[in-house]
N, C-alpha and C. Protein backbone atom coordinates (compact mmCIF):
# COMPACT_ATOMS: atom_id res chain seq x y z
N MET A 1 273.33 99.60 209.21
CA MET A 1 273.32 98.86 209.90
C MET A 1 274.21 97.60 210.31
N ILE A 2 273.49 96.35 209.42
CA ILE A 2 274.30 95.59 209.29
C ILE A 2 276.18 95.54 208.54
N ASN A 3 276.29 96.29 207.42
CA ASN A 3 277.47 96.44 207.07
C ASN A 3 278.23 97.30 208.12
N THR A 4 277.34 98.23 208.84
CA THR A 4 278.68 98.30 210.29
C THR A 4 278.73 97.66 211.29
N MET A 5 277.67 96.99 211.36
CA MET A 5 278.02 95.59 212.37
C MET A 5 279.35 94.74 212.17
N LYS A 6 279.02 94.09 210.44
CA LYS A 6 279.86 93.83 210.11
C LYS A 6 281.93 93.77 209.87
N ASN A 7 281.77 95.43 209.89
CA ASN A 7 282.90 95.93 209.61
C ASN A 7 283.46 96.38 210.85
N PHE A 8 282.60 96.21 211.86
CA PHE A 8 283.13 96.55 213.27
C PHE A 8 283.73 95.36 213.55
N LYS A 9 282.73 94.03 213.49
CA LYS A 9 283.36 92.63 213.97
C LYS A 9 284.80 92.35 213.34
N MET A 10 284.70 92.65 211.98
CA MET A 10 285.99 92.33 210.98
C MET A 10 286.99 92.92 211.86
N ILE A 11 287.28 94.56 212.00
CA ILE A 11 287.77 95.40 212.64
C ILE A 11 288.47 94.71 213.96
N SER A 12 287.65 94.53 214.84
CA SER A 12 287.66 94.18 216.36
C SER A 12 288.45 92.72 215.62
N GLY A 13 288.13 91.75 215.20
CA GLY A 13 289.07 90.99 215.06
C GLY A 13 289.92 90.81 214.65
N LEU A 14 290.38 91.51 213.86
CA LEU A 14 291.73 91.79 213.15
C LEU A 14 292.42 92.35 214.44
N ALA A 15 291.95 93.66 214.70
CA ALA A 15 292.82 93.98 215.85
C ALA A 15 293.17 93.07 217.21
N LEU A 16 292.53 92.15 217.13
CA LEU A 16 292.37 90.71 218.14
C LEU A 16 294.01 90.09 217.90
N PHE A 17 293.82 89.94 216.16
CA PHE A 17 294.82 88.61 215.96
C PHE A 17 295.60 89.49 215.93
N LEU A 18 295.70 90.90 215.18
CA LEU A 18 296.99 91.68 215.30
C LEU A 18 297.70 91.86 216.81
N ALA A 19 297.07 92.16 218.29
CA ALA A 19 297.40 92.12 219.51
C ALA A 19 297.90 91.05 219.89
N PHE A 20 297.13 89.68 219.46
CA PHE A 20 297.53 88.23 219.97
C PHE A 20 298.92 88.12 219.06
N GLY A 21 299.23 88.46 217.97
CA GLY A 21 300.26 87.71 217.01
C GLY A 21 301.11 88.75 217.01
N PHE A 22 301.19 89.79 217.51
CA PHE A 22 302.54 90.67 217.64
C PHE A 22 302.84 89.81 219.26
N GLY A 23 302.41 89.55 219.92
CA GLY A 23 302.37 88.64 221.14
C GLY A 23 304.05 87.16 220.95
N ASN A 24 302.93 86.43 219.61
CA ASN A 24 303.27 85.20 219.44
C ASN A 24 304.26 85.74 218.32
N ALA A 25 304.93 86.63 217.64
CA ALA A 25 305.72 86.78 216.85
C ALA A 25 305.54 86.25 215.37
N GLN A 26 304.22 86.35 215.11
CA GLN A 26 303.57 85.96 213.60
C GLN A 26 304.40 86.67 212.74
N LYS A 27 304.43 85.91 211.02
CA LYS A 27 305.08 86.26 210.55
C LYS A 27 303.93 86.05 209.33
N ILE A 28 303.13 87.29 208.84
CA ILE A 28 302.38 87.36 208.02
C ILE A 28 302.39 88.18 206.53
N GLY A 29 301.93 87.24 205.70
CA GLY A 29 302.03 87.43 203.98
C GLY A 29 301.00 88.06 203.69
N VAL A 30 300.92 88.26 202.32
CA VAL A 30 299.38 88.96 201.80
C VAL A 30 300.21 88.81 200.23
N VAL A 31 298.95 88.35 199.35
CA VAL A 31 299.09 88.15 198.08
C VAL A 31 297.69 88.55 197.38
N ASP A 32 298.43 89.08 196.36
CA ASP A 32 297.09 89.80 195.51
C ASP A 32 296.55 88.81 194.14
N THR A 33 295.44 87.54 194.75
CA THR A 33 294.70 86.63 193.93
C THR A 33 294.66 86.98 192.98
N ASP A 34 294.11 87.95 192.51
CA ASP A 34 293.86 88.79 190.99
C ASP A 34 294.83 89.12 190.20
N ALA A 35 296.11 89.54 190.66
CA ALA A 35 297.14 89.90 190.24
C ALA A 35 297.58 88.62 189.68
N ILE A 36 297.37 87.33 190.59
CA ILE A 36 298.30 86.33 189.80
C ILE A 36 297.22 85.59 188.84
N LEU A 37 296.02 85.94 189.08
CA LEU A 37 295.21 85.47 187.73
C LEU A 37 295.38 85.81 186.81
N GLN A 38 295.32 86.93 186.71
CA GLN A 38 295.66 87.83 185.74
C GLN A 38 297.20 87.62 184.71
N LYS A 39 298.15 86.48 185.57
CA LYS A 39 299.24 86.94 185.03
C LYS A 39 299.67 85.36 184.55
N MET A 40 298.48 84.89 185.02
CA MET A 40 298.82 83.03 184.41
C MET A 40 298.01 83.12 183.36
N PRO A 41 298.63 82.94 182.16
CA PRO A 41 298.49 82.50 180.61
C PRO A 41 297.15 81.09 180.64
N GLN A 42 297.73 80.54 181.26
CA GLN A 42 295.87 79.56 181.44
C GLN A 42 294.79 80.02 181.37
N TYR A 43 294.86 80.63 182.54
CA TYR A 43 293.52 81.43 182.99
C TYR A 43 292.65 82.18 181.92
N LYS A 44 294.31 83.04 181.08
CA LYS A 44 293.50 84.14 180.42
C LYS A 44 292.96 83.33 179.38
N GLU A 45 293.54 82.58 178.68
CA GLU A 45 293.16 81.82 177.62
C GLU A 45 291.67 81.15 177.86
N ALA A 46 291.56 80.86 179.50
CA ALA A 46 290.05 79.95 179.60
C ALA A 46 289.14 81.13 179.77
N GLU A 47 289.48 82.77 180.28
CA GLU A 47 288.81 83.33 180.17
C GLU A 47 288.17 83.64 178.48
N ALA A 48 289.18 83.73 178.15
CA ALA A 48 289.20 83.99 176.49
C ALA A 48 287.88 83.21 175.77
N ARG A 49 287.99 81.74 176.27
CA ARG A 49 287.15 80.80 175.64
C ARG A 49 285.78 81.53 176.36
N LEU A 50 285.69 81.26 177.29
CA LEU A 50 284.84 81.71 178.53
C LEU A 50 283.43 83.07 177.36
N ASP A 51 284.74 84.10 176.94
CA ASP A 51 283.99 85.18 176.39
C ASP A 51 283.32 85.15 174.95
N ALA A 52 284.17 84.04 174.72
CA ALA A 52 283.87 83.71 173.37
C ALA A 52 282.36 82.73 173.31
N GLN A 53 282.43 82.11 174.32
CA GLN A 53 281.45 81.61 174.27
C GLN A 53 280.04 82.09 174.92
N ILE A 54 280.45 83.22 175.88
CA ILE A 54 279.04 83.97 176.09
C ILE A 54 278.70 84.91 174.75
N ASN A 55 279.64 85.42 174.42
CA ASN A 55 279.18 86.30 173.09
C ASN A 55 278.93 85.47 171.93
N THR A 56 278.80 83.85 171.87
CA THR A 56 277.97 83.30 170.67
C THR A 56 276.38 83.38 171.33
N TRP A 57 276.29 82.67 172.55
CA TRP A 57 275.51 82.93 173.25
C TRP A 57 274.18 84.07 173.36
N GLN A 58 275.06 85.11 173.60
CA GLN A 58 274.46 86.44 173.51
C GLN A 58 273.55 86.72 171.88
N THR A 59 274.69 86.29 171.05
CA THR A 59 274.32 86.64 169.88
C THR A 59 273.48 85.58 169.33
N GLU A 60 273.29 84.62 169.36
CA GLU A 60 271.89 83.27 169.52
C GLU A 60 270.80 83.89 169.96
N LEU A 61 270.61 84.54 171.56
CA LEU A 61 269.35 85.08 172.04
C LEU A 61 269.02 86.17 171.29
N GLN A 62 269.80 87.12 170.65
CA GLN A 62 269.68 88.23 170.45
C GLN A 62 268.75 87.80 168.89
N ASN A 63 269.32 87.04 168.11
CA ASN A 63 268.34 86.55 166.90
C ASN A 63 267.25 85.79 167.48
N LEU A 64 267.20 85.09 168.02
CA LEU A 64 265.48 84.83 169.08
C LEU A 64 264.97 85.69 169.53
N GLN A 65 265.49 86.28 170.21
CA GLN A 65 264.72 87.87 170.18
C GLN A 65 263.63 88.38 169.46
N SER A 66 264.97 88.86 168.24
CA SER A 66 264.80 89.64 166.75
C SER A 66 263.78 88.55 166.18
N GLU A 67 263.74 87.23 166.07
CA GLU A 67 263.17 86.53 165.19
C GLU A 67 261.62 86.93 166.12
N TYR A 68 261.63 86.78 167.66
CA TYR A 68 260.24 86.90 168.32
C TYR A 68 259.09 87.97 168.19
N GLU A 69 260.48 89.30 168.36
CA GLU A 69 259.53 90.71 167.68
C GLU A 69 259.15 90.59 166.66
N ARG A 70 259.92 90.24 165.47
CA ARG A 70 259.56 90.07 164.05
C ARG A 70 257.95 89.41 164.17
N LYS A 71 257.87 87.96 164.75
CA LYS A 71 256.73 87.21 164.53
C LYS A 71 255.51 87.77 165.34
N LYS A 72 255.64 88.18 166.46
CA LYS A 72 254.98 89.21 167.18
C LYS A 72 254.09 90.25 166.43
N SER A 73 254.69 91.80 166.26
CA SER A 73 254.70 92.58 165.42
C SER A 73 253.25 91.79 164.11
N ALA A 74 254.56 91.09 163.33
CA ALA A 74 253.63 90.18 162.08
C ALA A 74 252.23 89.95 162.44
N PHE A 75 252.34 89.06 163.55
CA PHE A 75 251.02 88.64 163.95
C PHE A 75 249.77 89.94 164.89
N GLU A 76 250.22 90.80 165.30
CA GLU A 76 249.36 91.70 166.11
C GLU A 76 248.79 92.49 164.42
N ASN A 77 249.62 92.74 163.28
CA ASN A 77 249.35 93.41 162.50
C ASN A 77 247.86 92.47 161.71
N GLU A 78 248.22 91.34 161.93
CA GLU A 78 247.05 90.60 161.11
C GLU A 78 246.56 89.85 161.91
N LYS A 79 246.31 89.93 162.56
CA LYS A 79 245.40 89.47 163.66
C LYS A 79 244.45 89.50 163.81
N VAL A 80 243.48 90.89 162.62
CA VAL A 80 242.01 90.92 162.46
C VAL A 80 241.87 90.62 161.40
N LEU A 81 242.82 89.65 160.72
CA LEU A 81 242.64 88.96 159.44
C LEU A 81 242.47 87.39 159.85
N LEU A 82 243.05 87.02 160.42
CA LEU A 82 243.13 86.03 160.62
C LEU A 82 241.88 85.43 161.41
N ILE A 83 241.27 83.91 161.04
CA ILE A 83 240.23 83.17 161.65
C ILE A 83 240.47 81.55 161.80
N GLY A 84 240.01 81.48 162.99
CA GLY A 84 239.94 80.16 163.77
C GLY A 84 240.65 79.52 164.17
N THR A 85 241.67 78.49 163.49
CA THR A 85 242.71 77.81 163.49
C THR A 85 243.84 78.56 163.30
N GLN A 86 243.52 79.33 161.99
CA GLN A 86 244.69 80.39 161.67
C GLN A 86 245.32 80.97 163.24
N LEU A 87 244.40 82.13 163.44
CA LEU A 87 244.51 82.78 164.80
C LEU A 87 245.10 82.02 166.05
N THR A 88 244.88 81.07 166.32
CA THR A 88 245.08 80.34 166.91
C THR A 88 246.58 79.46 167.43
N MET A 89 246.77 79.19 165.80
CA MET A 89 248.49 78.34 165.64
C MET A 89 249.09 79.81 165.48
N ARG A 90 249.14 80.70 165.07
CA ARG A 90 250.07 81.78 164.84
C ARG A 90 250.02 82.72 166.46
N GLU A 91 249.32 82.99 167.30
CA GLU A 91 248.82 83.03 168.59
C GLU A 91 249.45 82.19 169.17
N LYS A 92 249.71 80.79 169.22
CA LYS A 92 251.01 79.86 170.20
C LYS A 92 252.65 79.68 169.53
N GLU A 93 252.22 80.13 168.07
CA GLU A 93 253.55 80.48 167.63
C GLU A 93 254.37 81.46 168.37
N VAL A 94 253.90 82.43 168.65
CA VAL A 94 254.24 83.82 169.29
C VAL A 94 254.44 83.50 170.64
N LEU A 95 253.67 83.07 171.17
CA LEU A 95 253.74 82.34 173.00
C LEU A 95 254.97 81.14 173.02
N ASP A 96 254.84 80.36 171.96
CA ASP A 96 255.84 79.50 171.59
C ASP A 96 257.39 79.96 171.66
N LEU A 97 257.44 81.38 171.20
CA LEU A 97 258.68 81.73 171.09
C LEU A 97 259.36 82.75 171.96
N GLU A 98 257.92 83.29 172.66
CA GLU A 98 258.13 84.24 174.11
C GLU A 98 258.81 83.12 175.31
N LYS A 99 258.11 82.13 174.94
CA LYS A 99 258.53 81.30 176.43
C LYS A 99 260.21 80.66 175.76
N ASN A 100 260.32 80.23 174.57
CA ASN A 100 261.61 79.70 174.49
C ASN A 100 262.56 80.83 175.03
N VAL A 101 262.68 82.13 174.46
CA VAL A 101 263.46 83.51 175.04
C VAL A 101 263.59 83.65 176.25
N LYS A 102 262.64 83.75 177.26
CA LYS A 102 262.53 83.40 178.81
C LYS A 102 263.20 82.35 179.37
N THR A 103 263.27 81.13 178.84
CA THR A 103 263.90 80.01 178.98
C THR A 103 265.00 79.88 178.71
N THR A 104 265.52 80.53 177.39
CA THR A 104 266.98 80.76 177.08
C THR A 104 267.85 81.62 178.13
N VAL A 105 267.06 82.74 178.30
CA VAL A 105 267.71 83.61 179.24
C VAL A 105 268.03 83.09 180.48
N SER A 106 267.34 82.59 181.22
CA SER A 106 267.09 81.74 182.43
C SER A 106 267.97 80.73 182.07
N LEU A 107 268.01 80.03 181.23
CA LEU A 107 269.09 78.55 181.39
C LEU A 107 270.81 79.21 181.16
N ARG A 108 270.33 80.14 180.20
CA ARG A 108 271.73 80.27 179.87
C ARG A 108 272.57 81.62 181.02
N PHE A 109 271.94 82.49 181.13
CA PHE A 109 272.24 83.77 181.63
C PHE A 109 271.23 84.35 183.48
N GLY A 110 270.66 82.82 184.10
CA GLY A 110 270.07 83.03 185.17
C GLY A 110 271.38 83.16 186.01
N ASN A 111 270.51 83.05 187.65
CA ASN A 111 271.49 82.70 188.46
C ASN A 111 272.24 81.38 188.74
N ASN A 112 271.38 80.55 188.10
CA ASN A 112 272.30 79.04 188.16
C ASN A 112 271.84 78.51 186.73
N GLY A 113 272.76 79.52 185.76
CA GLY A 113 272.69 79.12 184.15
C GLY A 113 274.36 78.86 183.98
N GLU A 114 274.12 78.26 182.77
CA GLU A 114 275.61 77.68 182.10
C GLU A 114 276.61 78.57 182.36
N ILE A 115 276.28 80.21 182.11
CA ILE A 115 277.62 80.83 181.99
C ILE A 115 277.83 80.22 184.10
N LYS A 116 277.19 80.72 184.77
CA LYS A 116 277.58 80.97 185.90
C LYS A 116 278.60 79.49 186.55
N LYS A 117 277.69 78.33 185.72
CA LYS A 117 278.45 76.93 186.21
C LYS A 117 280.05 76.96 185.12
N LEU A 118 279.88 77.70 184.00
CA LEU A 118 281.25 77.53 182.96
C LEU A 118 282.09 78.46 183.92
N LYS A 119 281.54 79.68 184.43
CA LYS A 119 282.77 80.55 185.41
C LYS A 119 283.16 79.83 186.34
N THR A 120 282.60 79.23 187.15
CA THR A 120 282.71 77.97 188.23
C THR A 120 283.63 76.94 187.85
N ASN A 121 283.58 76.21 186.90
CA ASN A 121 284.61 75.24 185.95
C ASN A 121 285.70 75.81 185.62
N LEU A 122 285.71 76.95 185.36
CA LEU A 122 286.97 77.81 185.16
C LEU A 122 287.42 78.87 186.13
N VAL A 123 287.04 78.66 187.30
CA VAL A 123 287.81 79.66 188.25
C VAL A 123 288.54 78.40 189.36
N VAL A 124 287.54 77.63 189.53
CA VAL A 124 287.65 76.82 190.78
C VAL A 124 289.27 75.82 190.32
N PRO A 125 289.77 75.36 189.43
CA PRO A 125 290.89 75.01 189.08
C PRO A 125 291.93 75.75 189.32
N PHE A 126 291.68 77.09 188.94
CA PHE A 126 292.92 78.06 189.29
C PHE A 126 292.94 78.39 190.47
N GLU A 127 292.10 78.50 191.62
CA GLU A 127 291.94 78.99 192.68
C GLU A 127 292.65 77.76 193.80
N ASP A 128 292.37 76.62 193.29
CA ASP A 128 293.23 75.33 194.00
C ASP A 128 294.51 75.42 193.45
N GLN A 129 295.21 75.67 192.41
CA GLN A 129 296.21 76.02 191.74
C GLN A 129 297.07 77.15 192.91
N ILE A 130 295.99 78.58 192.72
CA ILE A 130 297.08 79.36 193.78
C ILE A 130 297.11 78.78 195.62
N HIS A 131 295.59 78.35 195.68
CA HIS A 131 295.81 78.14 196.70
C HIS A 131 297.01 76.70 197.52
N ASN A 132 297.32 76.00 196.83
CA ASN A 132 298.31 75.18 196.71
C ASN A 132 299.96 75.71 196.72
N ALA A 133 299.88 77.01 196.06
CA ALA A 133 301.09 77.74 195.82
C ALA A 133 301.38 78.18 197.09
N ILE A 134 299.93 79.04 197.40
CA ILE A 134 300.15 79.85 198.64
C ILE A 134 300.65 79.34 199.93
N THR A 135 299.99 77.94 199.98
CA THR A 135 300.86 77.03 200.82
C THR A 135 302.12 76.69 200.99
N ALA A 136 302.71 76.37 199.52
CA ALA A 136 304.00 76.02 199.38
C ALA A 136 304.97 77.04 199.93
N VAL A 137 304.32 78.60 199.38
CA VAL A 137 305.45 79.87 199.71
C VAL A 137 305.42 79.82 200.87
N ALA A 138 304.36 79.97 201.43
CA ALA A 138 304.18 80.09 203.41
C ALA A 138 304.65 79.23 204.34
N GLU A 139 304.82 77.77 203.67
CA GLU A 139 305.17 76.99 204.30
C GLU A 139 307.16 76.92 204.23
N ARG A 140 307.64 77.52 202.88
CA ARG A 140 308.85 77.66 202.42
C ARG A 140 309.18 78.61 203.30
N ASN A 141 308.52 79.80 203.46
CA ASN A 141 308.83 81.02 204.28
C ASN A 141 308.30 81.44 205.53
N LYS A 142 308.12 80.41 205.69
CA LYS A 142 307.53 80.39 207.25
C LYS A 142 307.32 81.44 207.83
N VAL A 143 305.91 81.60 207.05
CA VAL A 143 305.06 82.67 207.03
C VAL A 143 304.09 82.04 208.16
N ASP A 144 302.92 82.55 209.18
CA ASP A 144 302.18 81.80 209.49
C ASP A 144 300.89 82.15 209.01
N THR A 145 300.76 83.08 208.54
CA THR A 145 299.24 83.77 208.13
C THR A 145 299.61 84.49 206.66
N MET A 146 298.50 84.32 205.58
CA MET A 146 298.64 84.53 204.11
C MET A 146 297.52 85.42 204.12
N LEU A 147 297.38 86.67 203.90
CA LEU A 147 295.93 87.62 203.18
C LEU A 147 295.70 88.01 201.92
N ASP A 148 294.70 88.22 201.74
CA ASP A 148 294.17 88.37 200.03
C ASP A 148 294.31 89.93 200.39
N LYS A 149 294.95 90.18 199.29
CA LYS A 149 294.48 92.11 199.35
C LYS A 149 293.15 92.10 199.14
N ASN A 150 292.52 91.43 198.35
CA ASN A 150 291.33 91.11 197.60
C ASN A 150 290.37 91.08 198.38
N ARG A 151 290.54 90.55 199.31
CA ARG A 151 289.00 90.35 200.59
C ARG A 151 289.05 91.22 201.54
N ASN A 152 289.91 92.90 201.22
CA ASN A 152 289.21 94.34 201.66
C ASN A 152 289.90 93.98 203.03
N ASN A 153 290.34 93.31 203.71
CA ASN A 153 290.86 93.05 205.20
C ASN A 153 292.25 93.54 205.18
N VAL A 154 293.10 93.84 204.43
CA VAL A 154 294.34 94.58 204.39
C VAL A 154 294.58 95.79 204.78
N LEU A 155 294.70 96.72 205.97
CA LEU A 155 294.85 97.80 206.70
C LEU A 155 295.77 98.70 205.79
N TYR A 156 297.19 97.87 206.25
CA TYR A 156 298.53 98.53 206.44
C TYR A 156 299.34 97.40 205.52
N LEU A 157 300.43 97.56 204.69
CA LEU A 157 300.77 96.37 203.79
C LEU A 157 302.29 97.33 203.57
N GLN A 158 303.25 96.74 203.74
CA GLN A 158 304.64 96.87 203.27
C GLN A 158 304.98 95.90 202.70
N LYS A 159 306.09 96.15 201.68
CA LYS A 159 306.59 95.40 200.35
C LYS A 159 306.96 94.19 200.94
N PRO A 160 307.84 94.20 202.14
CA PRO A 160 308.63 92.63 201.66
C PRO A 160 307.41 91.45 202.23
N PHE A 161 306.39 92.10 202.65
CA PHE A 161 305.19 91.23 202.97
C PHE A 161 304.70 91.05 201.89
N ASP A 162 304.53 91.47 201.08
CA ASP A 162 303.78 90.83 199.75
C ASP A 162 304.48 89.49 198.97
N TYR A 163 303.68 88.75 199.17
CA TYR A 163 303.98 87.40 198.24
C TYR A 163 303.30 86.89 197.13
N THR A 164 302.56 88.26 196.72
CA THR A 164 302.17 87.72 195.28
C THR A 164 302.99 87.40 194.23
N ASP A 165 304.07 88.05 194.03
CA ASP A 165 305.18 87.34 193.13
C ASP A 165 306.07 86.11 193.53
N ARG A 166 305.83 85.92 194.45
CA ARG A 166 306.71 84.97 195.07
C ARG A 166 305.54 83.51 194.39
N VAL A 167 304.17 83.97 195.15
CA VAL A 167 303.02 82.62 194.15
C VAL A 167 303.46 82.59 192.53
N LEU A 168 303.54 83.74 192.53
CA LEU A 168 303.04 83.67 190.54
C LEU A 168 304.07 83.04 190.58
N GLN A 169 305.85 83.48 190.63
CA GLN A 169 307.13 82.81 190.15
C GLN A 169 307.11 81.34 190.99
N PHE A 170 306.19 80.68 191.32
CA PHE A 170 305.80 79.29 192.16
C PHE A 170 304.93 78.95 190.80
N LEU A 171 304.10 79.67 190.34
CA LEU A 171 303.24 78.89 189.41
C LEU A 171 303.05 78.73 188.21
N LEU A 172 303.93 80.00 187.77
CA LEU A 172 304.74 80.17 186.34
C LEU A 172 306.12 79.34 185.84
N LYS A 173 306.53 79.50 186.96
CA LYS A 173 308.35 78.44 186.71
C LYS A 173 308.60 77.47 187.72
N GLY A 174 307.32 77.09 188.85
CA GLY A 174 307.57 75.99 189.82
C GLY A 174 309.09 76.16 190.44
N THR A 175 309.29 77.58 190.68
CA THR A 175 310.27 77.26 192.11
C THR A 175 310.13 77.90 193.01
N LEU A 176 310.65 78.39 193.73
CA LEU A 176 310.78 79.01 195.59
C LEU A 176 311.95 79.17 195.63
N GLU A 177 312.28 80.69 195.89
CA GLU A 177 313.49 81.29 196.36
C GLU A 177 312.86 81.86 197.69
N THR A 178 313.65 81.26 198.78
CA THR A 178 313.31 82.58 200.33
C THR A 178 314.07 83.69 200.51
N ASP A 179 314.04 84.44 200.89
CA ASP A 179 315.01 85.82 200.90
C ASP A 179 315.83 84.84 201.85
N ASN A 180 316.04 83.75 202.71
CA ASN A 180 317.23 83.28 202.79
C ASN A 180 318.12 82.71 202.22
N ASP A 181 317.38 81.92 201.17
CA ASP A 181 318.21 81.27 200.34
C ASP A 181 318.89 82.57 199.37
N LYS A 182 318.44 83.71 199.03
CA LYS A 182 319.13 84.82 198.67
C LYS A 182 320.20 84.87 199.52
N LYS A 183 320.29 85.13 200.63
CA LYS A 183 321.12 85.57 201.53
C LYS A 183 322.25 84.43 202.01
N GLN A 184 321.94 83.38 201.77
CA GLN A 184 322.58 82.25 201.90
C GLN A 184 323.67 81.24 200.61
N THR A 185 323.41 82.22 199.44
CA THR A 185 323.98 81.69 198.50
C THR A 185 325.49 81.77 198.46
N PRO A 186 325.92 80.46 198.65
CA PRO A 186 327.90 80.87 198.39
C PRO A 186 327.88 81.34 197.12
N THR A 187 329.02 81.81 197.49
CA THR A 187 330.02 82.83 196.33
C THR A 187 331.28 82.24 196.30
N LYS A 188 331.69 81.62 195.09
CA LYS A 188 332.98 81.48 194.62
C LYS A 188 334.05 82.57 194.91
N GLY A 189 335.01 82.19 195.66
CA GLY A 189 336.09 83.24 195.75
C GLY A 189 337.54 82.08 194.44
N LYS A 190 338.55 83.41 194.59
CA LYS A 190 339.44 82.98 193.40
C LYS A 190 340.75 81.92 194.30
N LYS A 191 340.94 81.34 194.25
CA LYS A 191 342.15 80.23 195.39
C LYS A 191 343.17 80.42 194.22
């Protein structure tokens, strides 16, 4: 029900926007930020570093869990033979390992864990860079509104309104070329 209302509001809002937009002859552009991110070499490098760090932490966690399982199993098998302080010390050791595993999972892989923070630190600089490039491309091409294909709000798209390649070109090469620039490029004639 809530999703239906959200979809209705989004479609209604988009319909109103388009209805009033055509009256004002707004130029709308569309970009695919995911495609841009995947074509940026710096993003791919940062993503590879993040994946390597995640793999390292997963290996550490697996080793910790294996140690916990091994010690817990040994404790369960030897429990009947242990007495007094030996029993208490071994039980505390197993409980401490269990607590360590849970803490590691929470700190590294939890909702506010290190992985989420690393991902945020990875993506935010690129999102800012893309936002600045989108703004520059939109201003240069006199686009009133830019939509992102990945936000599920594009119902129909003609290729001339897709600015993904232009934003990517701006980010990778730092150059902007409008359709008008292409048409107005003077050609030298023979004298």
